[in-house]
Amino acid sequence: MKVTAIILAAGLSSRMQSFKPLLPFGQSTTLGHTIKTFQHAGINEILVVVGYRYKEITKFLGPLNIKFTYNDKFHEGMFTSIISGIKALPRNTEAFFLLPVDIPLVKPQTIQTLCAEFKTSSEGILYPGFSGTRGHPPLISTSYCQPILSWHGQGGLVNFLNQHDKDAKTIDTQDPGILLDMDTPKRYEYLKKIESRTGVLPAEECQKILYQKYSADHPIVLHSYAVAELSAFIAQKLLSTGIEIDIELLYNAALLHDLTRQHPNHATTAGLLLEDLGYTQLGHIVSMHMDIPIPEALSINEASLLFFTDKLVQEDRVVTLDERFQEKLIQHKSDHTTFLKISSRLEKAKNIQRTIELHLGQPLSKVLQEFQHDRPRPTR
């Protein structure tokens, strides 16, 4: 199958206040990092759409032997760059990716997954998805090229694709990078921090560890996936409010938080196990999922979100905090010490919920309803 990757790098970068394509990122630039992503996925036909400050980009692309096309209407918006890219596609292209240059953390495995799915899919538009949310880059059949070129442009490509949603399919991935853009200096620093981190187990490895210990339909696995998906869903909502959450780190910690659940003090046991394996951050977060120190509970971070979402999931069902705690409070009402510990955890969870609702500007019940509406299921 002949696939071309179109990278959109013609914009003004006005909100960033710096030129996004050539900002340092990883061992290269944002554009260079994105090109390598496609190359590592086996996509050799790469086309960069240039416009603003095109001479600097083409100078950068020269040694890389990467093709480009110039959009002389770049100041009119991204849709004009999409048109330029489609017009410049090689004749034998069967499908094309569209990826803005400011979404640099997409994993090569995600690109490969979409290509593999496209070969057997009856749908002509494939999206990568994470935690129930569609992201970038879509993979689009070239059969849509002429309709896109004829599109009046109102609402851009998003509106066009919405008109053809019956022809689309979302492919679940374990890649939060499909949702992460860097359109402001703060977001750029956040994405750089994620790219540069070390010692984080990939989600695929977390899944293997989980399945080595339990079967795919074991209650602990189903619970862990439910917590992971809910954590990522809420974290994505919070990202849009400016709170920085490492979604992948949180998701993976949620997958492994009950790894040693059959042992006494399983949170500490699992945390130490992961730390001994060299995954210090992961172990630290997992170690606090049963109870969390008050300072951690007063802020929104990976540890407090895992503690909180674990309390919202009973077995693999999403419930309210009162539902989750009611039975335990009744069960231990005659044991004063245990009753106080449970009450303390409930109060911490409620404090976290109030903070989340304050940031999101809506009750958590609405967020949970949205999550339940199209809740992803574990990949087995």
Protein backbone atom coordinates (compact mmCIF):
# COMPACT_ATOMS: atom_id res chain seq x y z
CA MET A 1 0.00 0.00 0.00
CA LYS A 2 1.34 3.39 -1.00
CA VAL A 3 0.87 5.90 1.84
CA THR A 4 2.06 9.50 1.97
CA ALA A 5 2.43 11.56 5.14
CA ILE A 6 1.49 15.22 4.77
CA ILE A 7 3.02 17.38 7.52
CA LEU A 8 1.44 20.82 7.80
CA ALA A 9 4.14 23.41 8.63
CA ALA A 10 3.02 26.57 6.83
CA GLY A 11 1.31 28.48 9.65
CA LEU A 12 2.24 31.71 11.40
CA SER A 13 2.74 30.18 14.88
CA SER A 14 1.10 33.31 16.27
CA ARG A 15 0.03 31.88 19.63
CA MET A 16 3.42 30.23 20.18
CA GLN A 17 5.29 33.52 19.57
CA SER A 18 8.12 31.37 18.16
CA PHE A 19 8.39 29.45 14.90
CA LYS A 20 7.03 26.00 15.81
CA PRO A 21 8.49 23.85 13.01
CA LEU A 22 12.09 24.68 13.92
CA LEU A 23 11.85 24.80 17.71
CA PRO A 24 14.24 22.38 19.46
CA PHE A 25 12.51 19.12 20.28
CA GLY A 26 14.19 15.92 21.38
CA GLN A 27 17.39 15.47 19.40
CA SER A 28 16.15 17.58 16.50
CA THR A 29 13.42 20.13 15.86
CA THR A 30 9.65 19.73 16.06
CA LEU A 31 9.54 19.15 12.31
CA GLY A 32 12.54 16.82 12.35
CA HIS A 33 11.05 14.79 15.20
CA THR A 34 7.76 14.43 13.31
CA ILE A 35 9.55 13.35 10.13
CA LYS A 36 11.45 10.68 12.08
CA THR A 37 8.19 9.40 13.56
CA PHE A 38 6.83 8.63 10.10
CA GLN A 39 10.14 7.20 8.91
CA HIS A 40 10.37 4.89 11.92
CA ALA A 41 6.84 3.72 11.11
CA GLY A 42 7.97 2.77 7.59
CA ILE A 43 6.43 5.76 5.77
CA ASN A 44 9.03 6.87 3.25
CA GLU A 45 6.88 9.22 1.18
CA ILE A 46 6.74 12.39 3.27
CA LEU A 47 5.50 15.77 2.04
CA VAL A 48 5.90 18.97 4.07
CA VAL A 49 3.60 21.90 3.32
CA VAL A 50 5.53 25.16 3.82
CA GLY A 51 4.47 28.80 3.75
CA TYR A 52 5.51 31.26 6.45
CA ARG A 53 9.33 31.46 6.68
CA TYR A 54 9.53 28.76 4.02
CA LYS A 55 13.18 29.47 3.19
CA GLU A 56 14.25 28.39 6.68
CA ILE A 57 12.23 25.17 6.49
CA THR A 58 13.37 24.23 3.00
CA LYS A 59 16.97 24.80 4.08
CA PHE A 60 16.36 22.41 6.98
CA LEU A 61 14.69 19.82 4.70
CA GLY A 62 17.43 19.86 2.07
CA PRO A 63 19.92 17.47 3.78
CA LEU A 64 17.02 15.19 4.80
CA ASN A 65 15.91 14.72 1.18
CA ILE A 66 12.30 15.42 2.15
CA LYS A 67 9.84 16.79 -0.43
CA PHE A 68 7.90 19.99 0.18
CA THR A 69 5.21 22.06 -1.46
CA TYR A 70 4.66 25.79 -1.02
CA ASN A 71 1.27 27.17 0.03
CA ASP A 72 1.11 30.81 -1.07
CA LYS A 73 -2.22 31.24 0.78
CA PHE A 74 -0.93 30.10 4.19
CA HIS A 75 -2.15 33.32 5.83
CA GLU A 76 -5.74 32.22 5.04
CA GLY A 77 -5.62 29.24 7.40
CA MET A 78 -4.79 25.55 7.68
CA PHE A 79 -7.33 24.34 5.14
CA THR A 80 -5.35 26.05 2.35
CA SER A 81 -2.29 24.02 3.40
CA ILE A 82 -4.34 20.82 3.31
CA ILE A 83 -5.41 21.70 -0.24
CA SER A 84 -1.78 22.36 -1.23
CA GLY A 85 -0.67 19.06 0.26
CA ILE A 86 -3.39 17.04 -1.49
CA LYS A 87 -2.63 18.66 -4.84
CA ALA A 88 1.05 17.67 -4.47
CA LEU A 89 0.41 14.00 -3.59
CA PRO A 90 2.23 11.46 -5.77
CA ARG A 91 -0.10 9.94 -8.37
CA ASN A 92 0.10 6.40 -7.02
CA THR A 93 -0.77 7.34 -3.42
CA GLU A 94 -3.61 5.22 -2.03
CA ALA A 95 -4.02 6.98 1.33
CA PHE A 96 -2.47 9.90 3.16
CA PHE A 97 -1.88 10.99 6.74
CA LEU A 98 -2.50 14.61 7.76
CA LEU A 99 -0.51 15.83 10.76
CA PRO A 100 0.04 19.42 11.91
CA VAL A 101 3.66 19.98 12.91
CA ASP A 102 2.64 21.02 16.43
CA ILE A 103 1.49 17.48 17.36
CA PRO A 104 4.93 15.83 17.61
CA LEU A 105 4.40 13.03 20.15
CA VAL A 106 2.48 10.56 18.00
CA LYS A 107 4.11 7.12 18.28
CA PRO A 108 5.36 5.21 15.23
CA GLN A 109 3.33 2.20 16.42
CA THR A 110 0.16 4.27 16.02
CA ILE A 111 1.03 5.02 12.39
CA GLN A 112 1.73 1.32 11.78
CA THR A 113 -1.55 0.29 13.45
CA LEU A 114 -3.59 2.60 11.22
CA CYS A 115 -1.83 1.37 8.07
CA ALA A 116 -2.43 -2.27 8.99
CA GLU A 117 -6.10 -1.57 9.71
CA PHE A 118 -6.54 0.36 6.47
CA LYS A 119 -5.55 -2.68 4.39
CA THR A 120 -8.59 -4.65 5.56
CA SER A 121 -11.04 -1.91 6.53
CA SER A 122 -14.07 -1.00 4.47
CA GLU A 123 -13.93 2.56 5.86
CA GLY A 124 -11.96 5.16 3.95
CA ILE A 125 -11.18 7.41 6.92
CA LEU A 126 -9.38 6.08 10.00
CA TYR A 127 -8.70 8.00 13.19
CA PRO A 128 -6.44 6.99 16.06
CA GLY A 129 -8.26 7.07 19.39
CA PHE A 130 -7.16 7.23 22.99
CA SER A 131 -9.49 6.86 25.97
CA GLY A 132 -12.53 7.34 23.75
CA THR A 133 -11.25 10.52 22.06
CA ARG A 134 -10.22 10.84 18.42
CA GLY A 135 -6.84 12.37 17.68
CA HIS A 136 -4.25 12.97 14.96
CA PRO A 137 -3.26 12.00 12.37
CA PRO A 138 -6.25 10.71 10.39
CA LEU A 139 -5.48 8.30 7.56
CA ILE A 140 -7.62 9.21 4.55
CA SER A 141 -8.17 7.34 1.30
CA THR A 142 -7.24 9.31 -1.80
CA SER A 143 -10.78 8.63 -3.04
CA TYR A 144 -11.66 11.68 -0.91
CA CYS A 145 -9.11 13.97 -2.58
CA GLN A 146 -11.43 15.42 -5.20
CA PRO A 147 -14.33 15.95 -2.75
CA ILE A 148 -11.94 17.77 -0.38
CA LEU A 149 -10.58 19.91 -3.21
CA SER A 150 -14.17 20.79 -4.15
CA TRP A 151 -15.18 21.52 -0.57
CA HIS A 152 -16.26 25.12 -0.01
CA GLY A 153 -13.88 25.31 2.93
CA GLN A 154 -16.41 26.44 5.54
CA GLY A 155 -15.44 24.84 8.84
CA GLY A 156 -12.25 23.49 7.28
CA LEU A 157 -11.40 19.82 7.00
CA VAL A 158 -13.08 19.06 10.35
CA ASN A 159 -16.47 19.99 8.93
CA PHE A 160 -15.81 18.02 5.75
CA LEU A 161 -14.87 14.91 7.71
CA ASN A 162 -17.91 15.32 9.94
CA GLN A 163 -20.06 15.18 6.80
CA HIS A 164 -18.46 11.80 5.99
CA ASP A 165 -18.44 10.31 9.46
CA LYS A 166 -20.39 7.26 8.28
CA ASP A 167 -17.30 6.35 6.26
CA ALA A 168 -14.99 6.72 9.27
CA LYS A 169 -13.69 4.39 11.96
CA THR A 170 -11.77 5.07 15.17
CA ILE A 171 -8.94 2.68 16.02
CA ASP A 172 -8.17 2.45 19.74
CA THR A 173 -4.51 3.00 20.60
CA GLN A 174 -2.47 3.36 23.76
CA ASP A 175 -1.02 6.64 22.52
CA PRO A 176 -1.96 9.85 24.36
CA GLY A 177 0.40 11.72 22.01
CA ILE A 178 -2.36 11.79 19.39
CA LEU A 179 -4.15 14.35 21.58
CA LEU A 180 -1.25 16.58 22.59
CA ASP A 181 -0.51 19.77 20.67
CA MET A 182 1.90 22.62 21.44
CA ASP A 183 0.23 25.85 20.42
CA THR A 184 1.52 27.96 23.34
CA PRO A 185 4.93 28.33 25.02
CA LYS A 186 3.61 26.58 28.13
CA ARG A 187 2.35 23.62 26.13
CA TYR A 188 5.64 23.44 24.26
CA GLU A 189 7.57 23.14 27.54
CA TYR A 190 5.10 20.51 28.74
CA LEU A 191 5.53 18.37 25.61
CA LYS A 192 9.31 18.73 25.76
CA LYS A 193 9.23 17.47 29.33
CA ILE A 194 7.23 14.40 28.29
CA GLU A 195 9.53 13.69 25.34
CA SER A 196 12.65 13.88 27.47
CA ARG A 197 11.50 11.68 30.35
CA THR A 198 13.08 8.30 30.93
CA GLY A 199 12.18 5.20 32.92
CA VAL A 200 8.53 4.97 31.93
CA LEU A 201 7.20 1.58 30.89
CA PRO A 202 5.31 1.63 27.57
CA ALA A 203 1.62 0.78 27.88
CA GLU A 204 2.18 -2.37 25.84
CA GLU A 205 4.68 -3.62 28.43
CA CYS A 206 2.31 -2.78 31.28
CA GLN A 207 -0.36 -4.82 29.54
CA LYS A 208 2.03 -7.76 29.16
CA ILE A 209 2.94 -7.64 32.86
CA LEU A 210 -0.73 -7.54 33.80
CA TYR A 211 -1.66 -10.43 31.52
CA GLN A 212 1.30 -12.52 32.65
CA LYS A 213 -0.11 -12.45 36.15
CA TYR A 214 -3.84 -12.50 35.38
CA SER A 215 -6.01 -13.62 32.46
CA ALA A 216 -7.39 -10.96 30.14
CA ASP A 217 -10.89 -11.23 31.63
CA HIS A 218 -9.76 -11.41 35.25
CA PRO A 219 -11.65 -8.96 37.53
CA ILE A 220 -8.38 -7.19 38.47
CA VAL A 221 -7.56 -6.63 34.79
CA LEU A 222 -11.04 -5.32 34.02
CA HIS A 223 -10.91 -3.02 37.05
CA SER A 224 -7.43 -1.76 36.13
CA TYR A 225 -8.46 -0.94 32.56
CA ALA A 226 -11.56 0.88 33.75
CA VAL A 227 -9.47 3.00 36.13
CA ALA A 228 -6.86 3.66 33.42
CA GLU A 229 -9.40 4.78 30.84
CA LEU A 230 -11.30 6.97 33.30
CA SER A 231 -8.05 8.52 34.56
CA ALA A 232 -6.94 9.37 31.03
CA PHE A 233 -10.37 10.76 30.14
CA ILE A 234 -10.46 13.13 33.11
CA ALA A 235 -6.80 14.07 32.62
CA GLN A 236 -7.47 15.04 29.01
CA LYS A 237 -10.29 17.31 30.16
CA LEU A 238 -7.97 18.92 32.71
CA LEU A 239 -5.23 19.45 30.14
CA SER A 240 -7.53 21.82 28.27
CA THR A 241 -7.75 23.97 31.42
CA GLY A 242 -3.97 24.36 31.66
CA ILE A 243 -3.24 21.67 34.26
CA GLU A 244 -0.23 19.61 33.23
CA ILE A 245 -0.81 15.88 33.59
CA ASP A 246 1.43 13.22 32.07
CA ILE A 247 -1.41 11.14 30.65
CA GLU A 248 0.74 8.21 29.58
CA LEU A 249 2.42 7.95 32.98
CA LEU A 250 -0.97 8.13 34.71
CA TYR A 251 -2.54 5.58 32.35
CA ASN A 252 0.29 3.09 32.85
CA ALA A 253 0.28 3.52 36.63
CA ALA A 254 -3.46 2.82 36.60
CA LEU A 255 -2.90 -0.36 34.59
CA LEU A 256 -0.47 -1.66 37.23
CA HIS A 257 -1.89 -0.17 40.43
CA ASP A 258 -3.43 -3.49 41.56
CA LEU A 259 -0.61 -5.71 40.35
CA THR A 260 -0.15 -7.22 43.82
CA ARG A 261 -3.71 -6.77 45.07
CA GLN A 262 -3.83 -10.22 46.66
CA HIS A 263 -1.02 -9.22 49.04
CA PRO A 264 -1.39 -7.26 52.28
CA ASN A 265 -0.65 -3.55 51.86
CA HIS A 266 -0.72 -4.09 48.10
CA ALA A 267 -0.22 -0.43 47.14
CA THR A 268 3.16 -0.29 48.87
CA THR A 269 4.11 -3.75 47.61
CA ALA A 270 3.34 -2.88 43.98
CA GLY A 271 5.09 0.47 44.28
CA LEU A 272 8.26 -1.10 45.65
CA LEU A 273 8.17 -3.80 42.97
CA LEU A 274 8.08 -1.19 40.20
CA GLU A 275 10.77 0.92 41.86
CA ASP A 276 13.01 -2.13 42.15
CA LEU A 277 12.57 -2.64 38.40
CA GLY A 278 13.84 0.91 37.86
CA TYR A 279 10.48 2.62 37.30
CA THR A 280 10.64 5.09 40.17
CA GLN A 281 7.94 7.52 38.99
CA LEU A 282 5.53 4.71 38.25
CA GLY A 283 6.17 3.06 41.60
CA HIS A 284 5.74 6.32 43.50
CA ILE A 285 2.32 6.96 41.95
CA VAL A 286 1.13 3.37 42.42
CA SER A 287 2.22 3.34 46.07
CA MET A 288 -0.33 6.08 46.91
CA HIS A 289 -3.41 4.75 45.15
CA MET A 290 -4.98 3.34 48.34
CA ASP A 291 -4.32 6.39 50.48
CA ILE A 292 -2.59 9.63 49.72
CA PRO A 293 -0.85 12.22 51.94
CA ILE A 294 -2.82 15.41 52.46
CA PRO A 295 -0.34 17.65 50.54
CA GLU A 296 -0.71 15.41 47.47
CA ALA A 297 -4.49 15.41 47.85
CA LEU A 298 -4.53 19.22 47.73
CA SER A 299 -3.12 19.33 44.19
CA ILE A 300 -4.07 17.76 40.89
CA ASN A 301 -1.31 15.48 39.67
CA GLU A 302 -0.85 11.89 38.49
CA ALA A 303 -0.89 10.45 42.03
CA SER A 304 -4.00 12.30 43.20
CA LEU A 305 -5.89 11.45 40.00
CA LEU A 306 -5.09 7.73 40.33
CA PHE A 307 -6.15 7.78 43.99
CA PHE A 308 -9.37 9.55 43.02
CA THR A 309 -10.38 7.52 39.95
CA ASP A 310 -9.65 4.24 41.74
CA LYS A 311 -12.34 5.29 44.22
CA LEU A 312 -14.81 5.89 41.38
CA VAL A 313 -14.50 2.38 39.97
CA GLN A 314 -16.06 -0.57 41.77
CA GLU A 315 -14.92 -3.76 40.07
CA ASP A 316 -15.18 -2.39 36.50
CA ARG A 317 -18.25 -0.17 37.04
CA VAL A 318 -18.08 3.61 37.39
CA VAL A 319 -19.89 4.70 40.55
CA THR A 320 -20.10 7.77 42.78
CA LEU A 321 -17.84 8.24 45.78
CA ASP A 322 -20.75 7.73 48.18
CA GLU A 323 -21.66 4.44 46.48
CA ARG A 324 -18.06 3.28 46.63
CA PHE A 325 -17.61 4.05 50.33
CA GLN A 326 -21.05 3.43 51.80
CA GLU A 327 -20.69 -0.32 52.26
CA LYS A 328 -17.25 -0.06 53.85
CA LEU A 329 -18.34 2.66 56.24
CA ILE A 330 -21.29 0.55 57.40
CA GLN A 331 -19.12 -2.56 57.63
CA HIS A 332 -16.53 -0.87 59.89
CA LYS A 333 -18.74 1.48 61.90
CA SER A 334 -17.92 -0.37 65.13
CA ASP A 335 -14.16 -0.27 64.44
CA HIS A 336 -13.36 3.34 65.28
CA THR A 337 -9.80 3.37 63.91
CA THR A 338 -10.68 1.75 60.57
CA PHE A 339 -13.83 3.87 60.26
CA LEU A 340 -11.76 7.06 60.62
CA LYS A 341 -9.25 5.89 58.01
CA ILE A 342 -12.02 5.17 55.50
CA SER A 343 -13.73 8.49 56.28
CA SER A 344 -10.44 10.29 55.77
CA ARG A 345 -9.97 8.70 52.33
CA LEU A 346 -13.51 9.65 51.37
CA GLU A 347 -12.95 13.27 52.40
CA LYS A 348 -9.69 13.46 50.46
CA ALA A 349 -11.43 12.06 47.38
CA LYS A 350 -14.25 14.59 47.74
CA ASN A 351 -11.70 17.41 48.01
CA ILE A 352 -10.06 16.24 44.80
CA GLN A 353 -13.47 16.05 43.13
CA ARG A 354 -14.30 19.63 44.16
CA THR A 355 -10.98 20.82 42.75
CA ILE A 356 -11.57 19.00 39.46
CA GLU A 357 -15.09 20.45 39.17
CA LEU A 358 -13.74 23.93 39.87
CA HIS A 359 -11.23 23.63 37.02
CA LEU A 360 -13.69 22.06 34.58
CA GLY A 361 -16.56 24.38 35.46
CA GLN A 362 -19.06 21.53 35.57
CA PRO A 363 -20.15 18.77 37.95
CA LEU A 364 -18.23 15.52 37.74
CA SER A 365 -21.49 13.67 37.03
CA LYS A 366 -21.58 15.22 33.54
CA VAL A 367 -18.00 14.16 32.88
CA LEU A 368 -18.78 10.60 33.99
CA GLN A 369 -21.89 10.51 31.78
CA GLU A 370 -19.78 11.56 28.80
CA PHE A 371 -17.20 8.89 29.61
CA GLN A 372 -19.85 6.19 29.95
CA HIS A 373 -21.50 7.17 26.67
CA ASP A 374 -18.65 5.86 24.53
CA ARG A 375 -16.52 4.01 27.03
CA PRO A 376 -13.60 2.15 25.45
CA ARG A 377 -13.06 -1.50 26.23
CA PRO A 378 -9.72 -3.18 26.94
CA THR A 379 -7.65 -4.39 23.99
CA ARG A 380 -6.91 -8.10 24.38
